[in-house]
Each structure stands twice: as structure tokens, then as C-alpha cells.
C-alpha atoms as a PDB file:
ATOM      1  CA  UNK A   1     -13.725 -22.030  -1.997  1.00  0.00           C
ATOM      2  CA  UNK A   2     -10.435 -21.045  -3.636  1.00  0.00           C
ATOM      3  CA  UNK A   3      -7.234 -19.407  -2.474  1.00  0.00           C
ATOM      4  CA  UNK A   4      -8.804 -16.090  -3.523  1.00  0.00           C
ATOM      5  CA  UNK A   5     -11.517 -16.341  -0.876  1.00  0.00           C
ATOM      6  CA  UNK A   6     -10.315 -18.967   1.599  1.00  0.00           C
ATOM      7  CA  UNK A   7     -11.274 -16.833   4.594  1.00  0.00           C
ATOM      8  CA  UNK A   8     -14.953 -16.988   3.588  1.00  0.00           C
ATOM      9  CA  UNK A   9     -15.468 -20.188   5.592  1.00  0.00           C
ATOM     10  CA  UNK A  10     -13.813 -18.901   8.761  1.00  0.00           C
ATOM     11  CA  UNK A  11     -16.007 -18.193  11.772  1.00  0.00           C
ATOM     12  CA  UNK A  12     -16.799 -14.480  12.148  1.00  0.00           C
ATOM     13  CA  UNK A  13     -15.985 -14.692  15.864  1.00  0.00           C
ATOM     14  CA  UNK A  14     -12.352 -15.692  15.309  1.00  0.00           C
ATOM     15  CA  UNK A  15      -9.572 -13.357  16.395  1.00  0.00           C
ATOM     16  CA  UNK A  16      -6.217 -13.107  14.589  1.00  0.00           C
ATOM     17  CA  UNK A  17      -4.391 -15.170  17.202  1.00  0.00           C
ATOM     18  CA  UNK A  18      -6.586 -18.154  16.261  1.00  0.00           C
ATOM     19  CA  UNK A  19      -5.946 -18.102  12.495  1.00  0.00           C
ATOM     20  CA  UNK A  20      -3.118 -19.754  10.526  1.00  0.00           C
ATOM     21  CA  UNK A  21      -2.032 -17.217   7.918  1.00  0.00           C
ATOM     22  CA  UNK A  22       0.502 -17.358   5.045  1.00  0.00           C
ATOM     23  CA  UNK A  23       2.529 -14.204   4.466  1.00  0.00           C
ATOM     24  CA  UNK A  24       5.387 -12.879   2.367  1.00  0.00           C
ATOM     25  CA  UNK A  25       8.607 -11.274   3.587  1.00  0.00           C
ATOM     26  CA  UNK A  26       9.422  -7.982   1.856  1.00  0.00           C
ATOM     27  CA  UNK A  27       6.302  -8.391  -0.227  1.00  0.00           C
ATOM     28  CA  UNK A  28       6.971  -5.488  -2.601  1.00  0.00           C
ATOM     29  CA  UNK A  29      10.231  -6.645  -4.188  1.00  0.00           C
ATOM     30  CA  UNK A  30       9.046  -8.446  -7.326  1.00  0.00           C
ATOM     31  CA  UNK A  31      10.378  -5.763  -9.686  1.00  0.00           C
ATOM     32  CA  UNK A  32      13.911  -5.624  -8.280  1.00  0.00           C
ATOM     33  CA  UNK A  33      16.744  -7.403 -10.045  1.00  0.00           C
ATOM     34  CA  UNK A  34      17.892 -10.804  -8.873  1.00  0.00           C
ATOM     35  CA  UNK A  35      20.069 -10.697  -5.771  1.00  0.00           C
ATOM     36  CA  UNK A  36      19.889  -9.614  -2.147  1.00  0.00           C
ATOM     37  CA  UNK A  37      16.899  -7.267  -2.486  1.00  0.00           C
ATOM     38  CA  UNK A  38      14.751  -9.644  -4.553  1.00  0.00           C
ATOM     39  CA  UNK A  39      12.614 -11.866  -2.305  1.00  0.00           C
ATOM     40  CA  UNK A  40       9.390 -12.325  -4.303  1.00  0.00           C
ATOM     41  CA  UNK A  41       8.773 -13.345  -7.913  1.00  0.00           C
ATOM     42  CA  UNK A  42       5.148 -12.232  -8.074  1.00  0.00           C
ATOM     43  CA  UNK A  43       3.247  -9.003  -7.567  1.00  0.00           C
ATOM     44  CA  UNK A  44       0.820  -8.175  -4.769  1.00  0.00           C
ATOM     45  CA  UNK A  45      -2.340  -9.130  -6.681  1.00  0.00           C
ATOM     46  CA  UNK A  46      -0.935 -12.556  -7.550  1.00  0.00           C
ATOM     47  CA  UNK A  47       0.145 -13.047  -3.943  1.00  0.00           C
ATOM     48  CA  UNK A  48      -3.349 -12.243  -2.679  1.00  0.00           C
ATOM     49  CA  UNK A  49      -5.023 -14.478  -5.255  1.00  0.00           C
ATOM     50  CA  UNK A  50      -2.651 -17.282  -4.219  1.00  0.00           C
ATOM     51  CA  UNK A  51      -3.860 -17.017  -0.614  1.00  0.00           C
ATOM     52  CA  UNK A  52      -1.276 -14.705   0.970  1.00  0.00           C
ATOM     53  CA  UNK A  53      -2.945 -12.575   3.653  1.00  0.00           C
ATOM     54  CA  UNK A  54      -0.005 -10.983   5.500  1.00  0.00           C
ATOM     55  CA  UNK A  55       2.035  -8.400   3.592  1.00  0.00           C
ATOM     56  CA  UNK A  56       5.389  -7.068   4.810  1.00  0.00           C
ATOM     57  CA  UNK A  57       5.715  -3.584   3.304  1.00  0.00           C
ATOM     58  CA  UNK A  58       8.820  -1.390   3.714  1.00  0.00           C
ATOM     59  CA  UNK A  59       8.423   2.278   2.786  1.00  0.00           C
ATOM     60  CA  UNK A  60      10.497   5.415   2.387  1.00  0.00           C
ATOM     61  CA  UNK A  61       9.555   9.043   1.787  1.00  0.00           C
ATOM     62  CA  UNK A  62       9.934   9.954  -1.871  1.00  0.00           C
ATOM     63  CA  UNK A  63      10.371  13.719  -2.280  1.00  0.00           C
ATOM     64  CA  UNK A  64       8.808  15.242  -5.356  1.00  0.00           C
ATOM     65  CA  UNK A  65       5.831  12.848  -5.361  1.00  0.00           C
ATOM     66  CA  UNK A  66       3.470  14.658  -3.018  1.00  0.00           C
ATOM     67  CA  UNK A  67       0.442  12.915  -4.483  1.00  0.00           C
ATOM     68  CA  UNK A  68       2.038   9.586  -3.556  1.00  0.00           C
ATOM     69  CA  UNK A  69       4.712  10.365  -0.953  1.00  0.00           C
ATOM     70  CA  UNK A  70       5.789   6.820  -0.028  1.00  0.00           C
ATOM     71  CA  UNK A  71       7.821   4.481  -2.194  1.00  0.00           C
ATOM     72  CA  UNK A  72       8.458   0.771  -1.576  1.00  0.00           C
ATOM     73  CA  UNK A  73      12.079  -0.007  -0.737  1.00  0.00           C
ATOM     74  CA  UNK A  74      14.103  -3.000   0.430  1.00  0.00           C
ATOM     75  CA  UNK A  75      16.869  -1.368   2.422  1.00  0.00           C
ATOM     76  CA  UNK A  76      18.410   1.156   0.030  1.00  0.00           C
ATOM     77  CA  UNK A  77      16.970  -0.521  -3.079  1.00  0.00           C
ATOM     78  CA  UNK A  78      14.044   1.221  -4.772  1.00  0.00           C
ATOM     79  CA  UNK A  79      11.440  -1.406  -5.689  1.00  0.00           C
ATOM     80  CA  UNK A  80       9.884   0.707  -8.466  1.00  0.00           C
ATOM     81  CA  UNK A  81       6.456   0.598  -6.833  1.00  0.00           C
ATOM     82  CA  UNK A  82       4.671   3.280  -4.843  1.00  0.00           C
ATOM     83  CA  UNK A  83       2.685   2.687  -1.686  1.00  0.00           C
ATOM     84  CA  UNK A  84      -0.395   4.009  -3.457  1.00  0.00           C
ATOM     85  CA  UNK A  85      -0.044   1.304  -6.104  1.00  0.00           C
ATOM     86  CA  UNK A  86       0.047  -1.339  -3.380  1.00  0.00           C
ATOM     87  CA  UNK A  87      -3.044   0.099  -1.704  1.00  0.00           C
ATOM     88  CA  UNK A  88      -4.963   0.255  -4.999  1.00  0.00           C
ATOM     89  CA  UNK A  89      -4.186  -3.414  -5.655  1.00  0.00           C
ATOM     90  CA  UNK A  90      -5.349  -4.365  -2.159  1.00  0.00           C
ATOM     91  CA  UNK A  91      -8.523  -2.284  -2.501  1.00  0.00           C
ATOM     92  CA  UNK A  92      -9.335  -3.881  -5.855  1.00  0.00           C
ATOM     93  CA  UNK A  93      -8.782  -7.355  -4.437  1.00  0.00           C
ATOM     94  CA  UNK A  94     -10.990  -6.723  -1.402  1.00  0.00           C
ATOM     95  CA  UNK A  95     -13.806  -5.323  -3.557  1.00  0.00           C
ATOM     96  CA  UNK A  96     -13.877  -8.605  -5.471  1.00  0.00           C
ATOM     97  CA  UNK A  97     -13.333 -10.700  -2.317  1.00  0.00           C
ATOM     98  CA  UNK A  98     -15.099  -8.888   0.541  1.00  0.00           C
ATOM     99  CA  UNK A  99     -14.876 -11.911   2.868  1.00  0.00           C
ATOM    100  CA  UNK A 100     -11.084 -11.540   3.078  1.00  0.00           C
ATOM    101  CA  UNK A 101      -8.859  -9.412   5.263  1.00  0.00           C
ATOM    102  CA  UNK A 102      -5.253  -8.359   4.695  1.00  0.00           C
ATOM    103  CA  UNK A 103      -2.766  -7.764   7.486  1.00  0.00           C
ATOM    104  CA  UNK A 104      -0.187  -5.184   6.433  1.00  0.00           C
ATOM    105  CA  UNK A 105       2.956  -4.795   8.491  1.00  0.00           C
ATOM    106  CA  UNK A 106       4.355  -1.401   7.498  1.00  0.00           C
ATOM    107  CA  UNK A 107       7.923  -0.541   8.399  1.00  0.00           C
ATOM    108  CA  UNK A 108      10.372   2.150   7.386  1.00  0.00           C
ATOM    109  CA  UNK A 109      12.948   0.844   4.926  1.00  0.00           C
ATOM    110  CA  UNK A 110      15.662   3.028   6.432  1.00  0.00           C
ATOM    111  CA  UNK A 111      16.015   5.755   9.028  1.00  0.00           C
ATOM    112  CA  UNK A 112      13.948   6.321  12.159  1.00  0.00           C
ATOM    113  CA  UNK A 113      10.603   6.566  10.346  1.00  0.00           C
ATOM    114  CA  UNK A 114       9.455   9.614  12.296  1.00  0.00           C
ATOM    115  CA  UNK A 115       7.848  11.223   9.223  1.00  0.00           C
ATOM    116  CA  UNK A 116       6.098   8.099   7.935  1.00  0.00           C
ATOM    117  CA  UNK A 117       2.894   8.758   9.909  1.00  0.00           C
ATOM    118  CA  UNK A 118       2.480  12.152   8.224  1.00  0.00           C
ATOM    119  CA  UNK A 119       2.911  10.567   4.794  1.00  0.00           C
ATOM    120  CA  UNK A 120       0.610   7.667   5.689  1.00  0.00           C
ATOM    121  CA  UNK A 121      -2.134  10.127   6.671  1.00  0.00           C
ATOM    122  CA  UNK A 122      -2.032  11.561   3.135  1.00  0.00           C
ATOM    123  CA  UNK A 123      -3.391   8.253   1.854  1.00  0.00           C
ATOM    124  CA  UNK A 124      -6.068   8.068   4.540  1.00  0.00           C
ATOM    125  CA  UNK A 125      -7.423  11.380   3.290  1.00  0.00           C
ATOM    126  CA  UNK A 126      -7.822  10.025  -0.239  1.00  0.00           C
ATOM    127  CA  UNK A 127     -11.370   8.963  -1.099  1.00  0.00           C
ATOM    128  CA  UNK A 128     -10.348   5.552  -2.432  1.00  0.00           C
ATOM    129  CA  UNK A 129      -8.377   4.664   0.715  1.00  0.00           C
ATOM    130  CA  UNK A 130     -10.120   6.418   3.612  1.00  0.00           C
ATOM    131  CA  UNK A 131     -12.291   3.381   4.489  1.00  0.00           C
ATOM    132  CA  UNK A 132      -9.742   0.749   3.472  1.00  0.00           C
ATOM    133  CA  UNK A 133      -7.992   0.292   6.834  1.00  0.00           C
ATOM    134  CA  UNK A 134      -8.984  -0.976  10.229  1.00  0.00           C
ATOM    135  CA  UNK A 135      -6.852   1.244  12.459  1.00  0.00           C
ATOM    136  CA  UNK A 136      -7.801  -0.067  15.899  1.00  0.00           C
ATOM    137  CA  UNK A 137      -4.901  -0.739  18.307  1.00  0.00           C
ATOM    138  CA  UNK A 138      -6.451  -4.062  19.324  1.00  0.00           C
ATOM    139  CA  UNK A 139      -7.683  -6.104  16.350  1.00  0.00           C
ATOM    140  CA  UNK A 140     -11.393  -6.933  16.665  1.00  0.00           C
ATOM    141  CA  UNK A 141     -13.049 -10.183  15.598  1.00  0.00           C
ATOM    142  CA  UNK A 142     -12.913 -11.276  11.982  1.00  0.00           C
ATOM    143  CA  UNK A 143     -16.471 -10.102  11.292  1.00  0.00           C
ATOM    144  CA  UNK A 144     -15.274  -6.484  11.638  1.00  0.00           C
ATOM    145  CA  UNK A 145     -12.104  -7.067   9.629  1.00  0.00           C
ATOM    146  CA  UNK A 146     -13.546  -8.509   6.442  1.00  0.00           C
ATOM    147  CA  UNK A 147     -12.946  -6.270   3.455  1.00  0.00           C
ATOM    148  CA  UNK A 148     -10.291  -4.275   5.357  1.00  0.00           C
ATOM    149  CA  UNK A 149      -6.539  -3.942   5.708  1.00  0.00           C
ATOM    150  CA  UNK A 150      -5.372  -4.288   9.305  1.00  0.00           C
ATOM    151  CA  UNK A 151      -2.458  -1.982  10.076  1.00  0.00           C
ATOM    152  CA  UNK A 152       0.452  -3.471  12.005  1.00  0.00           C
ATOM    153  CA  UNK A 153       2.725  -0.454  12.517  1.00  0.00           C
ATOM    154  CA  UNK A 154       6.492  -0.567  13.060  1.00  0.00           C
ATOM    155  CA  UNK A 155       7.003   3.172  12.549  1.00  0.00           C
ATOM    156  CA  UNK A 156       6.384   5.834  15.241  1.00  0.00           C
ATOM    157  CA  UNK A 157       2.798   6.985  15.056  1.00  0.00           C
ATOM    158  CA  UNK A 158      -0.678   6.842  16.505  1.00  0.00           C
ATOM    159  CA  UNK A 159      -2.739   4.385  14.480  1.00  0.00           C
ATOM    160  CA  UNK A 160      -3.166   0.637  14.189  1.00  0.00           C
ATOM    161  CA  UNK A 161      -1.485  -2.144  16.159  1.00  0.00           C
ATOM    162  CA  UNK A 162       1.683  -0.611  17.586  1.00  0.00           C
ATOM    163  CA  UNK A 163       4.807  -2.744  17.057  1.00  0.00           C
ATOM    164  CA  UNK A 164       7.106   0.282  16.871  1.00  0.00           C
ATOM    165  CA  UNK A 165       8.997  -0.568  20.056  1.00  0.00           C
ATOM    166  CA  UNK A 166      10.388  -3.886  21.210  1.00  0.00           C
ATOM    167  CA  UNK A 167      11.081  -5.426  17.789  1.00  0.00           C
ATOM    168  CA  UNK A 168      14.494  -7.051  18.150  1.00  0.00           C
ATOM    169  CA  UNK A 169      17.073  -7.506  15.404  1.00  0.00           C
ATOM    170  CA  UNK A 170      17.914 -11.035  14.253  1.00  0.00           C
ATOM    171  CA  UNK A 171      16.204 -12.733  17.185  1.00  0.00           C
ATOM    172  CA  UNK A 172      13.238 -14.682  18.513  1.00  0.00           C
ATOM    173  CA  UNK A 173      11.419 -12.505  21.009  1.00  0.00           C
ATOM    174  CA  UNK A 174       8.140 -11.611  22.656  1.00  0.00           C
ATOM    175  CA  UNK A 175       6.511  -8.227  22.187  1.00  0.00           C
ATOM    176  CA  UNK A 176       3.547  -6.630  23.909  1.00  0.00           C
ATOM    177  CA  UNK A 177       1.932  -3.511  22.491  1.00  0.00           C
ATOM    178  CA  UNK A 178       0.966  -0.603  24.778  1.00  0.00           C
ATOM    179  CA  UNK A 179      -2.643  -1.816  24.506  1.00  0.00           C
ATOM    180  CA  UNK A 180      -1.726  -5.363  25.543  1.00  0.00           C
ATOM    181  CA  UNK A 181      -1.669  -7.258  22.217  1.00  0.00           C
ATOM    182  CA  UNK A 182       0.879 -10.076  22.614  1.00  0.00           C
ATOM    183  CA  UNK A 183       3.251 -11.394  19.956  1.00  0.00           C
ATOM    184  CA  UNK A 184       5.967 -14.006  19.732  1.00  0.00           C
ATOM    185  CA  UNK A 185       8.160 -13.402  16.711  1.00  0.00           C
ATOM    186  CA  UNK A 186      10.933 -15.473  15.117  1.00  0.00           C
ATOM    187  CA  UNK A 187      13.013 -13.249  12.818  1.00  0.00           C
ATOM    188  CA  UNK A 188      16.545 -14.709  12.812  1.00  0.00           C
ATOM    189  CA  UNK A 189      17.213 -13.505   9.275  1.00  0.00           C
ATOM    190  CA  UNK A 190      21.001 -13.493   9.638  1.00  0.00           C
ATOM    191  CA  UNK A 191      21.178 -17.194  10.550  1.00  0.00           C
ATOM    192  CA  UNK A 192      22.659 -18.533   7.316  1.00  0.00           C
ATOM    193  CA  UNK A 193      23.048 -22.090   8.587  1.00  0.00           C
ATOM    194  CA  UNK A 194      19.725 -23.492   7.405  1.00  0.00           C
ATOM    195  CA  UNK A 195      19.839 -26.405   9.850  1.00  0.00           C
ATOM    196  CA  UNK A 196      19.948 -23.936  12.747  1.00  0.00           C
ATOM    197  CA  UNK A 197      17.425 -21.610  11.118  1.00  0.00           C
ATOM    198  CA  UNK A 198      14.988 -24.492  10.490  1.00  0.00           C
ATOM    199  CA  UNK A 199      15.161 -25.425  14.186  1.00  0.00           C
ATOM    200  CA  UNK A 200      14.321 -21.850  15.172  1.00  0.00           C
ATOM    201  CA  UNK A 201      11.389 -21.817  12.735  1.00  0.00           C
ATOM    202  CA  UNK A 202      10.055 -25.137  14.017  1.00  0.00           C
ATOM    203  CA  UNK A 203      10.440 -24.067  17.648  1.00  0.00           C
ATOM    204  CA  UNK A 204       8.292 -20.977  17.145  1.00  0.00           C
ATOM    205  CA  UNK A 205       5.619 -22.845  15.191  1.00  0.00           C
ATOM    206  CA  UNK A 206       5.586 -25.587  17.830  1.00  0.00           C
ATOM    207  CA  UNK A 207       5.068 -22.944  20.487  1.00  0.00           C
ATOM    208  CA  UNK A 208       2.043 -21.689  18.563  1.00  0.00           C
ATOM    209  CA  UNK A 209       0.650 -25.205  18.095  1.00  0.00           C
ATOM    210  CA  UNK A 210       1.105 -26.112  21.756  1.00  0.00           C
ATOM    211  CA  UNK A 211      -0.552 -22.951  23.058  1.00  0.00           C
ATOM    212  CA  UNK A 212      -3.748 -22.586  21.018  1.00  0.00           C
ATOM    213  CA  UNK A 213      -5.570 -20.519  23.644  1.00  0.00           C
ATOM    214  CA  UNK A 214      -2.815 -18.217  24.895  1.00  0.00           C
ATOM    215  CA  UNK A 215      -4.046 -15.182  22.939  1.00  0.00           C
ATOM    216  CA  UNK A 216      -0.604 -14.638  21.384  1.00  0.00           C
ATOM    217  CA  UNK A 217      -0.097 -13.814  17.699  1.00  0.00           C
ATOM    218  CA  UNK A 218       2.858 -15.888  16.491  1.00  0.00           C
ATOM    219  CA  UNK A 219       4.858 -14.651  13.502  1.00  0.00           C
ATOM    220  CA  UNK A 220       7.546 -16.925  12.041  1.00  0.00           C
ATOM    221  CA  UNK A 221       9.920 -15.766   9.294  1.00  0.00           C
ATOM    222  CA  UNK A 222      11.005 -18.726   7.174  1.00  0.00           C
ATOM    223  CA  UNK A 223      13.263 -16.346   5.225  1.00  0.00           C
ATOM    224  CA  UNK A 224      17.017 -15.687   5.295  1.00  0.00           C
ATOM    225  CA  UNK A 225      18.869 -12.604   4.077  1.00  0.00           C
ATOM    226  CA  UNK A 226      21.662 -12.581   1.522  1.00  0.00           C
ATOM    227  CA  UNK A 227      24.757 -14.434   2.728  1.00  0.00           C
ATOM    228  CA  UNK A 228      28.000 -15.757   1.287  1.00  0.00           C
ATOM    229  CA  UNK A 229      27.589 -17.359  -1.193  1.00  0.00           C
ATOM    230  CA  UNK A 230      23.788 -17.663  -1.372  1.00  0.00           C
ATOM    231  CA  UNK A 231      20.882 -15.402  -2.305  1.00  0.00           C
ATOM    232  CA  UNK A 232      17.514 -15.348  -0.530  1.00  0.00           C
ATOM    233  CA  UNK A 233      16.121 -17.485  -3.362  1.00  0.00           C
ATOM    234  CA  UNK A 234      18.783 -20.142  -2.866  1.00  0.00           C
ATOM    235  CA  UNK A 235      18.118 -20.273   0.867  1.00  0.00           C
ATOM    236  CA  UNK A 236      14.425 -20.716   0.071  1.00  0.00           C
ATOM    237  CA  UNK A 237      14.678 -23.324  -2.689  1.00  0.00           C
ATOM    238  CA  UNK A 238      18.328 -24.438  -2.966  1.00  0.00           C
ATOM    239  CA  UNK A 239      20.846 -24.010  -5.757  1.00  0.00           C
ATOM    240  CA  UNK A 240      23.858 -21.805  -6.279  1.00  0.00           C
ATOM    241  CA  UNK A 241      27.478 -22.480  -5.386  1.00  0.00           C
ATOM    242  CA  UNK A 242      27.601 -25.130  -2.681  1.00  0.00           C
ATOM    243  CA  UNK A 243      24.630 -27.001  -1.280  1.00  0.00           C
ATOM    244  CA  UNK A 244      21.910 -25.427   0.844  1.00  0.00           C
ATOM    245  CA  UNK A 245      20.800 -28.251   3.115  1.00  0.00           C
ATOM    246  CA  UNK A 246      17.991 -28.083   3.912  1.00  0.00           C
ATOM    247  CA  UNK A 247      16.411 -25.539   1.585  1.00  0.00           C
ATOM    248  CA  UNK A 248      13.931 -23.671   3.772  1.00  0.00           C
ATOM    249  CA  UNK A 249      10.693 -23.926   1.754  1.00  0.00           C
ATOM    250  CA  UNK A 250      10.811 -27.691   1.031  1.00  0.00           C
ATOM    251  CA  UNK A 251      11.808 -28.329   4.646  1.00  0.00           C
ATOM    252  CA  UNK A 252       8.879 -26.268   5.910  1.00  0.00           C
ATOM    253  CA  UNK A 253       6.427 -28.131   3.655  1.00  0.00           C
ATOM    254  CA  UNK A 254       7.759 -31.469   4.904  1.00  0.00           C
ATOM    255  CA  UNK A 255       7.401 -30.338   8.516  1.00  0.00           C
ATOM    256  CA  UNK A 256       3.893 -28.913   8.134  1.00  0.00           C
ATOM    257  CA  UNK A 257       2.779 -32.055   6.272  1.00  0.00           C
ATOM    258  CA  UNK A 258       3.477 -34.135   9.377  1.00  0.00           C
ATOM    259  CA  UNK A 259       0.449 -32.614  11.127  1.00  0.00           C
ATOM    260  CA  UNK A 260      -3.010 -34.024  10.638  1.00  0.00           C
ATOM    261  CA  UNK A 261      -6.137 -32.232  11.774  1.00  0.00           C
ATOM    262  CA  UNK A 262      -6.379 -28.526  12.495  1.00  0.00           C
ATOM    263  CA  UNK A 263      -3.502 -26.682  14.146  1.00  0.00           C
ATOM    264  CA  UNK A 264      -2.648 -23.103  15.035  1.00  0.00           C
ATOM    265  CA  UNK A 265       0.470 -22.426  12.959  1.00  0.00           C
ATOM    266  CA  UNK A 266       0.242 -18.656  13.390  1.00  0.00           C
ATOM    267  CA  UNK A 267       1.580 -16.359  10.672  1.00  0.00           C
ATOM    268  CA  UNK A 268       4.353 -17.879   8.548  1.00  0.00           C
ATOM    269  CA  UNK A 269       6.358 -15.507   6.358  1.00  0.00           C
ATOM    270  CA  UNK A 270       7.888 -16.806   3.129  1.00  0.00           C
ATOM    271  CA  UNK A 271      10.406 -15.787   0.492  1.00  0.00           C
ATOM    272  CA  UNK A 272       9.515 -16.927  -3.057  1.00  0.00           C
ATOM    273  CA  UNK A 273       6.448 -18.583  -1.554  1.00  0.00           C
ATOM    274  CA  UNK A 274       5.546 -20.781  -4.532  1.00  0.00           C
ATOM    275  CA  UNK A 275       8.184 -20.584  -7.241  1.00  0.00           C
ATOM    276  CA  UNK A 276      10.822 -23.313  -7.544  1.00  0.00           C
ATOM    277  CA  UNK A 277      13.174 -23.085 -10.529  1.00  0.00           C
ATOM    278  CA  UNK A 278      10.456 -21.802 -12.830  1.00  0.00           C
ATOM    279  CA  UNK A 279       7.714 -24.164 -11.665  1.00  0.00           C
ATOM    280  CA  UNK A 280       4.837 -23.495  -9.296  1.00  0.00           C
ATOM    281  CA  UNK A 281       4.807 -25.158  -5.881  1.00  0.00           C
ATOM    282  CA  UNK A 282       2.164 -23.663  -3.598  1.00  0.00           C
ATOM    283  CA  UNK A 283       2.335 -26.431  -0.985  1.00  0.00           C
ATOM    284  CA  UNK A 284       3.331 -24.252   1.958  1.00  0.00           C
ATOM    285  CA  UNK A 285       0.522 -21.749   1.406  1.00  0.00           C
ATOM    286  CA  UNK A 286      -2.027 -24.568   1.004  1.00  0.00           C
ATOM    287  CA  UNK A 287      -0.796 -26.361   4.126  1.00  0.00           C
ATOM    288  CA  UNK A 288      -0.975 -23.196   6.220  1.00  0.00           C
ATOM    289  CA  UNK A 289      -4.469 -22.317   5.000  1.00  0.00           C
ATOM    290  CA  UNK A 290      -5.743 -25.870   5.493  1.00  0.00           C
ATOM    291  CA  UNK A 291      -4.647 -25.823   9.138  1.00  0.00           C
ATOM    292  CA  UNK A 292      -7.705 -23.650   9.841  1.00  0.00           C
ATOM    293  CA  UNK A 293     -11.011 -25.109  10.998  1.00  0.00           C
ATOM    294  CA  UNK A 294     -13.619 -25.448   8.207  1.00  0.00           C
ATOM    295  CA  UNK A 295     -11.020 -24.976   5.450  1.00  0.00           C
ATOM    296  CA  UNK A 296     -10.205 -27.729   2.923  1.00  0.00           C
ATOM    297  CA  UNK A 297      -8.454 -26.382  -0.145  1.00  0.00           C
ATOM    298  CA  UNK A 298      -7.279 -28.784  -2.823  1.00  0.00           C
ATOM    299  CA  UNK A 299      -4.084 -27.944  -4.681  1.00  0.00           C
END
């Protein structure tokens, strides 16, 4: 077993609320220049090979590209990658690793997103993508999800798990879809005091650990947006003008390392998930994956 196929040992009867899953915040930003919009150093294929299974994809309609109508954006910043490119990478990965599943949270990068469903349907009509997604409003057991992308939808529409209403800005909150899927989400991205942010992160993960059978999908964002004077990278790993104390990724690894045995961490979303000042540090991803029953990756 490797990070490429770590889900192969998971029980087919598991549901998503029972699995500890590493994810990336604004997953499609690896081509943007350094600064506020840049939150990942590596492309989607590398992320998937490294064990990431939850992708946070922000899209915007791109006029003049009818064959590929959605472009990846972070806010107003064009990430120089189309949605079709992302889907092709995911499809290629799943062909090689059919035991895996990818959760894709799709949101509009700006605006109300009312036209995103129409653009999304263009891809579903393409031969290479038409069987790529599981579009059920209530995610089934893992056996039915292997080899598929699970759609978590934050734009108005009619397919997938519907998170289009009730998502709060810069908050920790609960959300229940119209079909009854329950979430508890920590997304305090404007909290630039990392001591306070770390406490919010820990509180949400602790809630997941302490309620293993509550049927809730916990999503915890360990990421912080640009703030004075630090970039998202500096909040994740330290550096820059003035000290970031604690840096979020090392703090998270230290916290997760305190747990022995198998725990339900939920989904944990990361900026710069494994890259510290030019070196590779995949500890957080490994710790999250190894929290699952029957998984024992070595780093």
C-alpha cells in the first residue's frame, strides 16, 4: 500500500463520515504567482499521488471556450487551468488506482454561480467524463464510490451533495443538506492569529474524534487567507516579516501525533500540504491517512 492507493485497504461498507481524509484548500492554484492566491505548490496529479482525496475547486465561466466552459480561479485570479484539465487528471488517476475515490467540492469563484450547473452539464455529456462522477445527493458506501469523483456542490443546481445553502463565511457551523446529510465545518479563514485559529481547528477535530458514530461529516480548514503581513504559505509553515507562532502545519502535525490508535479526524484541508522551505514534509497527510482502520503507511 502506498499513498497512491491507500484507500484499497478500507472496508467497502464504510461511509464518508467514518473516514479520515486529507484535502487541499483551493487545490487548483499551483500555477499562480506567489502571494494571496497561491495556496498549493503542486499540481492535482501530485496531490492525488501524495494521498490527497478531497479537492477544493473554484470555477468561473470562461466565455469563448465553449468546449471547456469553466476555468479555475481563486477569487479574481485566473489559475491558468481549465476544469476539463482537472477532470482529465482525476480520470487518469482513477483509471490507474480504481480502489480510490475523490471528493470534489466545487464552488463558484465569484458571483452567484447560477450558470455553473449549465456549464458543469457540458462536461457530463463528454464521453470521457460521463461516468466519472457519483452524483447522488446522499453518498453511498465506499464500495459504490471507488473509481469515482463524489460531487459536493456549493453552486445552485440539481446534482450531487447539496451544500449550496447554509455555508457561513469565516465561521464554524453545522450544515444539513435538503436530503439530510449532516456536516460540521470549521472555516475561520480570516482568523490571522494562529493561536486562536489553532484552537478552532483542534476544537472541530476533537468534536469529530469524540463523536465517531454521529453520522456527521467533519471538515476542518487548517488554512488562513492572506493577512498583514503574512501570506498563506507563511501562515502554513512560518517565515516572513515577524514571527508566525505557531505555524499551522507543524502545529497540526504535533497535535495529530499525540493520538495513538485509530481516530476519526474527518476531512482536514491544508495549504501547502507537504512543502516546507523547499523540502518535503508529508507528515500531516500520513498522520491523517493512518488514523483509518487497517491503514499503516510508512513515510
